Amino acid sequence: MEDRTYRLYEVGADGRIRGALSRSFADDAEALAEAGHLLTDVSAVEIWQTDRMVGRLDRYEPSQATA
């Protein structure tokens, strides 16, 4: 049976991990969707399943946009 436990790491503006959430999800897409909900409070969220990085979501900051 495959381990469906994911860890979502909340990353602050300074690049340091501010917190982590460990949960089971049906698949990568579900874990990524949940990570998107966490972006309101942090600069980025990294999604991991054991030693495999599933992805990283970065919050869009209008001040970072280039003209």
PDB file of N, CA and C in Angstrom:
ATOM      1  N   MET A   1       0.837  -1.182   0.000  1.00  0.00           N
ATOM      2  CA  MET A   1       0.000   0.000   0.000  1.00  0.00           C
ATOM      3  C   MET A   1       0.888   1.254   0.000  1.00  0.00           C
ATOM      4  N   GLU A   2       0.572   2.174  -0.874  1.00  0.00           N
ATOM      5  CA  GLU A   2       1.367   3.399  -1.019  1.00  0.00           C
ATOM      6  C   GLU A   2       1.073   4.379   0.117  1.00  0.00           C
ATOM      7  N   ASP A   3       2.122   4.993   0.633  1.00  0.00           N
ATOM      8  CA  ASP A   3       1.973   6.015   1.674  1.00  0.00           C
ATOM      9  C   ASP A   3       1.473   7.296   1.016  1.00  0.00           C
ATOM     10  N   ARG A   4       0.338   7.782   1.439  1.00  0.00           N
ATOM     11  CA  ARG A   4      -0.259   8.993   0.876  1.00  0.00           C
ATOM     12  C   ARG A   4      -0.112  10.178   1.818  1.00  0.00           C
ATOM     13  N   THR A   5       0.861  10.107   2.706  1.00  0.00           N
ATOM     14  CA  THR A   5       1.106  11.201   3.635  1.00  0.00           C
ATOM     15  C   THR A   5       1.988  12.254   2.980  1.00  0.00           C
ATOM     16  N   TYR A   6       1.547  13.482   3.065  1.00  0.00           N
ATOM     17  CA  TYR A   6       2.274  14.618   2.506  1.00  0.00           C
ATOM     18  C   TYR A   6       2.607  15.582   3.640  1.00  0.00           C
ATOM     19  N   ARG A   7       3.695  16.336   3.443  1.00  0.00           N
ATOM     20  CA  ARG A   7       4.034  17.409   4.381  1.00  0.00           C
ATOM     21  C   ARG A   7       4.019  18.712   3.601  1.00  0.00           C
ATOM     22  N   LEU A   8       3.310  19.671   4.156  1.00  0.00           N
ATOM     23  CA  LEU A   8       3.224  20.998   3.560  1.00  0.00           C
ATOM     24  C   LEU A   8       4.020  21.939   4.446  1.00  0.00           C
ATOM     25  N   TYR A   9       5.082  22.492   3.910  1.00  0.00           N
ATOM     26  CA  TYR A   9       5.960  23.377   4.670  1.00  0.00           C
ATOM     27  C   TYR A   9       5.638  24.836   4.322  1.00  0.00           C
ATOM     28  N   GLU A  10       5.287  25.609   5.331  1.00  0.00           N
ATOM     29  CA  GLU A  10       5.006  27.032   5.153  1.00  0.00           C
ATOM     30  C   GLU A  10       6.317  27.801   5.229  1.00  0.00           C
ATOM     31  N   VAL A  11       6.613  28.573   4.180  1.00  0.00           N
ATOM     32  CA  VAL A  11       7.874  29.290   4.074  1.00  0.00           C
ATOM     33  C   VAL A  11       7.608  30.791   4.195  1.00  0.00           C
ATOM     34  N   GLY A  12       8.314  31.447   5.105  1.00  0.00           N
ATOM     35  CA  GLY A  12       8.158  32.877   5.300  1.00  0.00           C
ATOM     36  C   GLY A  12       8.934  33.685   4.271  1.00  0.00           C
ATOM     37  N   ALA A  13       8.753  34.996   4.316  1.00  0.00           N
ATOM     38  CA  ALA A  13       9.428  35.900   3.374  1.00  0.00           C
ATOM     39  C   ALA A  13      10.943  35.799   3.476  1.00  0.00           C
ATOM     40  N   ASP A  14      11.445  35.403   4.637  1.00  0.00           N
ATOM     41  CA  ASP A  14      12.884  35.277   4.840  1.00  0.00           C
ATOM     42  C   ASP A  14      13.439  33.939   4.331  1.00  0.00           C
ATOM     43  N   GLY A  15      12.554  33.088   3.774  1.00  0.00           N
ATOM     44  CA  GLY A  15      12.988  31.799   3.246  1.00  0.00           C
ATOM     45  C   GLY A  15      13.042  30.683   4.270  1.00  0.00           C
ATOM     46  N   ARG A  16      12.698  30.991   5.500  1.00  0.00           N
ATOM     47  CA  ARG A  16      12.732  29.978   6.563  1.00  0.00           C
ATOM     48  C   ARG A  16      11.364  29.322   6.740  1.00  0.00           C
ATOM     49  N   ILE A  17      11.383  28.078   7.135  1.00  0.00           N
ATOM     50  CA  ILE A  17      10.146  27.344   7.377  1.00  0.00           C
ATOM     51  C   ILE A  17       9.501  27.881   8.650  1.00  0.00           C
ATOM     52  N   ARG A  18       8.237  28.275   8.528  1.00  0.00           N
ATOM     53  CA  ARG A  18       7.479  28.825   9.653  1.00  0.00           C
ATOM     54  C   ARG A  18       6.604  27.774  10.315  1.00  0.00           C
ATOM     55  N   GLY A  19       6.272  26.743   9.579  1.00  0.00           N
ATOM     56  CA  GLY A  19       5.402  25.712  10.124  1.00  0.00           C
ATOM     57  C   GLY A  19       5.255  24.576   9.133  1.00  0.00           C
ATOM     58  N   ALA A  20       4.650  23.496   9.587  1.00  0.00           N
ATOM     59  CA  ALA A  20       4.452  22.339   8.716  1.00  0.00           C
ATOM     60  C   ALA A  20       3.143  21.659   9.077  1.00  0.00           C
ATOM     61  N   LEU A  21       2.553  21.057   8.074  1.00  0.00           N
ATOM     62  CA  LEU A  21       1.313  20.324   8.233  1.00  0.00           C
ATOM     63  C   LEU A  21       1.505  18.956   7.607  1.00  0.00           C
ATOM     64  N   SER A  22       1.163  17.919   8.317  1.00  0.00           N
ATOM     65  CA  SER A  22       1.281  16.557   7.803  1.00  0.00           C
ATOM     66  C   SER A  22      -0.129  15.990   7.671  1.00  0.00           C
ATOM     67  N   ARG A  23      -0.493  15.597   6.434  1.00  0.00           N
ATOM     68  CA  ARG A  23      -1.832  15.063   6.178  1.00  0.00           C
ATOM     69  C   ARG A  23      -1.788  14.040   5.071  1.00  0.00           C
ATOM     70  N   SER A  24      -2.815  13.234   5.013  1.00  0.00           N
ATOM     71  CA  SER A  24      -2.978  12.284   3.912  1.00  0.00           C
ATOM     72  C   SER A  24      -3.876  12.899   2.857  1.00  0.00           C
ATOM     73  N   PHE A  25      -3.486  12.739   1.604  1.00  0.00           N
ATOM     74  CA  PHE A  25      -4.272  13.212   0.469  1.00  0.00           C
ATOM     75  C   PHE A  25      -4.397  12.078  -0.526  1.00  0.00           C
ATOM     76  N   ALA A  26      -5.420  12.140  -1.357  1.00  0.00           N
ATOM     77  CA  ALA A  26      -5.646  11.099  -2.357  1.00  0.00           C
ATOM     78  C   ALA A  26      -4.538  11.076  -3.402  1.00  0.00           C
ATOM     79  N   ASP A  27      -4.018  12.288  -3.759  1.00  0.00           N
ATOM     80  CA  ASP A  27      -2.994  12.367  -4.791  1.00  0.00           C
ATOM     81  C   ASP A  27      -2.298  13.721  -4.729  1.00  0.00           C
ATOM     82  N   ASP A  28      -1.330  13.916  -5.634  1.00  0.00           N
ATOM     83  CA  ASP A  28      -0.563  15.158  -5.667  1.00  0.00           C
ATOM     84  C   ASP A  28      -1.459  16.374  -5.886  1.00  0.00           C
ATOM     85  N   ALA A  29      -2.441  16.244  -6.777  1.00  0.00           N
ATOM     86  CA  ALA A  29      -3.321  17.376  -7.101  1.00  0.00           C
ATOM     87  C   ALA A  29      -4.080  17.855  -5.868  1.00  0.00           C
ATOM     88  N   GLU A  30      -4.540  16.938  -5.066  1.00  0.00           N
ATOM     89  CA  GLU A  30      -5.265  17.308  -3.851  1.00  0.00           C
ATOM     90  C   GLU A  30      -4.333  18.003  -2.854  1.00  0.00           C
ATOM     91  N   ALA A  31      -3.114  17.520  -2.731  1.00  0.00           N
ATOM     92  CA  ALA A  31      -2.136  18.147  -1.832  1.00  0.00           C
ATOM     93  C   ALA A  31      -1.784  19.553  -2.309  1.00  0.00           C
ATOM     94  N   LEU A  32      -1.617  19.717  -3.618  1.00  0.00           N
ATOM     95  CA  LEU A  32      -1.306  21.041  -4.177  1.00  0.00           C
ATOM     96  C   LEU A  32      -2.468  22.015  -3.971  1.00  0.00           C
ATOM     97  N   ALA A  33      -3.690  21.542  -4.111  1.00  0.00           N
ATOM     98  CA  ALA A  33      -4.861  22.400  -3.902  1.00  0.00           C
ATOM     99  C   ALA A  33      -4.915  22.884  -2.457  1.00  0.00           C
ATOM    100  N   GLU A  34      -4.657  22.000  -1.519  1.00  0.00           N
ATOM    101  CA  GLU A  34      -4.652  22.392  -0.109  1.00  0.00           C
ATOM    102  C   GLU A  34      -3.539  23.396   0.163  1.00  0.00           C
ATOM    103  N   ALA A  35      -2.391  23.195  -0.445  1.00  0.00           N
ATOM    104  CA  ALA A  35      -1.270  24.117  -0.267  1.00  0.00           C
ATOM    105  C   ALA A  35      -1.643  25.519  -0.736  1.00  0.00           C
ATOM    106  N   GLY A  36      -2.421  25.604  -1.795  1.00  0.00           N
ATOM    107  CA  GLY A  36      -2.851  26.893  -2.307  1.00  0.00           C
ATOM    108  C   GLY A  36      -3.647  27.685  -1.287  1.00  0.00           C
ATOM    109  N   HIS A  37      -4.397  27.002  -0.441  1.00  0.00           N
ATOM    110  CA  HIS A  37      -5.177  27.673   0.601  1.00  0.00           C
ATOM    111  C   HIS A  37      -4.289  28.260   1.699  1.00  0.00           C
ATOM    112  N   LEU A  38      -3.086  27.740   1.847  1.00  0.00           N
ATOM    113  CA  LEU A  38      -2.174  28.216   2.893  1.00  0.00           C
ATOM    114  C   LEU A  38      -1.411  29.470   2.482  1.00  0.00           C
ATOM    115  N   LEU A  39      -1.454  29.824   1.215  1.00  0.00           N
ATOM    116  CA  LEU A  39      -0.651  30.941   0.714  1.00  0.00           C
ATOM    117  C   LEU A  39      -1.111  32.311   1.200  1.00  0.00           C
ATOM    118  N   THR A  40      -2.239  32.400   1.837  1.00  0.00           N
ATOM    119  CA  THR A  40      -2.706  33.708   2.314  1.00  0.00           C
ATOM    120  C   THR A  40      -1.867  34.222   3.473  1.00  0.00           C
ATOM    121  N   ASP A  41      -1.225  33.321   4.197  1.00  0.00           N
ATOM    122  CA  ASP A  41      -0.480  33.708   5.398  1.00  0.00           C
ATOM    123  C   ASP A  41       1.033  33.607   5.271  1.00  0.00           C
ATOM    124  N   VAL A  42       1.522  33.002   4.206  1.00  0.00           N
ATOM    125  CA  VAL A  42       2.965  32.789   4.046  1.00  0.00           C
ATOM    126  C   VAL A  42       3.398  33.144   2.624  1.00  0.00           C
ATOM    127  N   SER A  43       4.706  33.237   2.407  1.00  0.00           N
ATOM    128  CA  SER A  43       5.231  33.583   1.076  1.00  0.00           C
ATOM    129  C   SER A  43       5.228  32.417   0.108  1.00  0.00           C
ATOM    130  N   ALA A  44       5.381  31.200   0.634  1.00  0.00           N
ATOM    131  CA  ALA A  44       5.428  30.020  -0.227  1.00  0.00           C
ATOM    132  C   ALA A  44       5.060  28.786   0.582  1.00  0.00           C
ATOM    133  N   VAL A  45       4.696  27.737  -0.135  1.00  0.00           N
ATOM    134  CA  VAL A  45       4.428  26.444   0.488  1.00  0.00           C
ATOM    135  C   VAL A  45       5.125  25.390  -0.357  1.00  0.00           C
ATOM    136  N   GLU A  46       5.918  24.556   0.302  1.00  0.00           N
ATOM    137  CA  GLU A  46       6.550  23.418  -0.368  1.00  0.00           C
ATOM    138  C   GLU A  46       5.782  22.166   0.000  1.00  0.00           C
ATOM    139  N   ILE A  47       5.547  21.324  -0.999  1.00  0.00           N
ATOM    140  CA  ILE A  47       4.779  20.101  -0.812  1.00  0.00           C
ATOM    141  C   ILE A  47       5.715  18.913  -1.038  1.00  0.00           C
ATOM    142  N   TRP A  48       5.794  18.049  -0.037  1.00  0.00           N
ATOM    143  CA  TRP A  48       6.676  16.877  -0.091  1.00  0.00           C
ATOM    144  C   TRP A  48       5.891  15.614   0.241  1.00  0.00           C
ATOM    145  N   GLN A  49       6.267  14.524  -0.411  1.00  0.00           N
ATOM    146  CA  GLN A  49       5.782  13.200  -0.055  1.00  0.00           C
ATOM    147  C   GLN A  49       7.028  12.355   0.183  1.00  0.00           C
ATOM    148  N   THR A  50       7.268  12.017   1.416  1.00  0.00           N
ATOM    149  CA  THR A  50       8.513  11.400   1.879  1.00  0.00           C
ATOM    150  C   THR A  50       9.687  12.234   1.374  1.00  0.00           C
ATOM    151  N   ASP A  51      10.571  11.685   0.539  1.00  0.00           N
ATOM    152  CA  ASP A  51      11.727  12.450   0.066  1.00  0.00           C
ATOM    153  C   ASP A  51      11.528  13.015  -1.344  1.00  0.00           C
ATOM    154  N   ARG A  52      10.305  13.001  -1.838  1.00  0.00           N
ATOM    155  CA  ARG A  52       9.989  13.500  -3.184  1.00  0.00           C
ATOM    156  C   ARG A  52       9.307  14.860  -3.088  1.00  0.00           C
ATOM    157  N   MET A  53       9.928  15.857  -3.699  1.00  0.00           N
ATOM    158  CA  MET A  53       9.308  17.176  -3.727  1.00  0.00           C
ATOM    159  C   MET A  53       8.241  17.178  -4.814  1.00  0.00           C
ATOM    160  N   VAL A  54       7.008  17.407  -4.390  1.00  0.00           N
ATOM    161  CA  VAL A  54       5.880  17.424  -5.316  1.00  0.00           C
ATOM    162  C   VAL A  54       5.822  18.770  -6.024  1.00  0.00           C
ATOM    163  N   GLY A  55       6.082  19.842  -5.277  1.00  0.00           N
ATOM    164  CA  GLY A  55       6.054  21.168  -5.881  1.00  0.00           C
ATOM    165  C   GLY A  55       6.222  22.262  -4.850  1.00  0.00           C
ATOM    166  N   ARG A  56       6.240  23.476  -5.366  1.00  0.00           N
ATOM    167  CA  ARG A  56       6.344  24.663  -4.513  1.00  0.00           C
ATOM    168  C   ARG A  56       5.417  25.717  -5.109  1.00  0.00           C
ATOM    169  N   LEU A  57       4.594  26.286  -4.261  1.00  0.00           N
ATOM    170  CA  LEU A  57       3.710  27.366  -4.672  1.00  0.00           C
ATOM    171  C   LEU A  57       4.203  28.651  -4.018  1.00  0.00           C
ATOM    172  N   ASP A  58       4.384  29.680  -4.826  1.00  0.00           N
ATOM    173  CA  ASP A  58       4.817  30.979  -4.323  1.00  0.00           C
ATOM    174  C   ASP A  58       3.667  31.970  -4.440  1.00  0.00           C
ATOM    175  N   ARG A  59       3.484  32.768  -3.404  1.00  0.00           N
ATOM    176  CA  ARG A  59       2.432  33.779  -3.432  1.00  0.00           C
ATOM    177  C   ARG A  59       2.865  34.917  -4.348  1.00  0.00           C
ATOM    178  N   TYR A  60       1.966  35.350  -5.186  1.00  0.00           N
ATOM    179  CA  TYR A  60       2.235  36.455  -6.089  1.00  0.00           C
ATOM    180  C   TYR A  60       2.183  37.764  -5.313  1.00  0.00           C
ATOM    181  N   GLU A  61       3.215  38.545  -5.445  1.00  0.00           N
ATOM    182  CA  GLU A  61       3.282  39.858  -4.812  1.00  0.00           C
ATOM    183  C   GLU A  61       3.321  40.904  -5.925  1.00  0.00           C
ATOM    184  N   PRO A  62       2.307  41.760  -6.049  1.00  0.00           N
ATOM    185  CA  PRO A  62       2.294  42.756  -7.114  1.00  0.00           C
ATOM    186  C   PRO A  62       3.558  43.606  -7.162  1.00  0.00           C
ATOM    187  N   SER A  63       4.185  43.847  -6.020  1.00  0.00           N
ATOM    188  CA  SER A  63       5.400  44.657  -5.987  1.00  0.00           C
ATOM    189  C   SER A  63       6.580  43.942  -6.653  1.00  0.00           C
ATOM    190  N   GLN A  64       6.465  42.630  -6.878  1.00  0.00           N
ATOM    191  CA  GLN A  64       7.543  41.870  -7.507  1.00  0.00           C
ATOM    192  C   GLN A  64       7.402  41.838  -9.028  1.00  0.00           C
ATOM    193  N   ALA A  65       6.297  42.352  -9.530  1.00  0.00           N
ATOM    194  CA  ALA A  65       6.052  42.327 -10.979  1.00  0.00           C
ATOM    195  C   ALA A  65       7.033  43.250 -11.689  1.00  0.00           C
ATOM    196  N   THR A  66       7.461  42.820 -12.859  1.00  0.00           N
ATOM    197  CA  THR A  66       8.371  43.648 -13.650  1.00  0.00           C
ATOM    198  C   THR A  66       7.576  44.387 -14.717  1.00  0.00           C
ATOM    199  N   ALA A  67       8.018  45.585 -15.037  1.00  0.00           N
ATOM    200  CA  ALA A  67       7.301  46.396 -16.039  1.00  0.00           C
ATOM    201  C   ALA A  67       7.806  46.102 -17.425  1.00  0.00           C
TER     202      ALA A  67
END
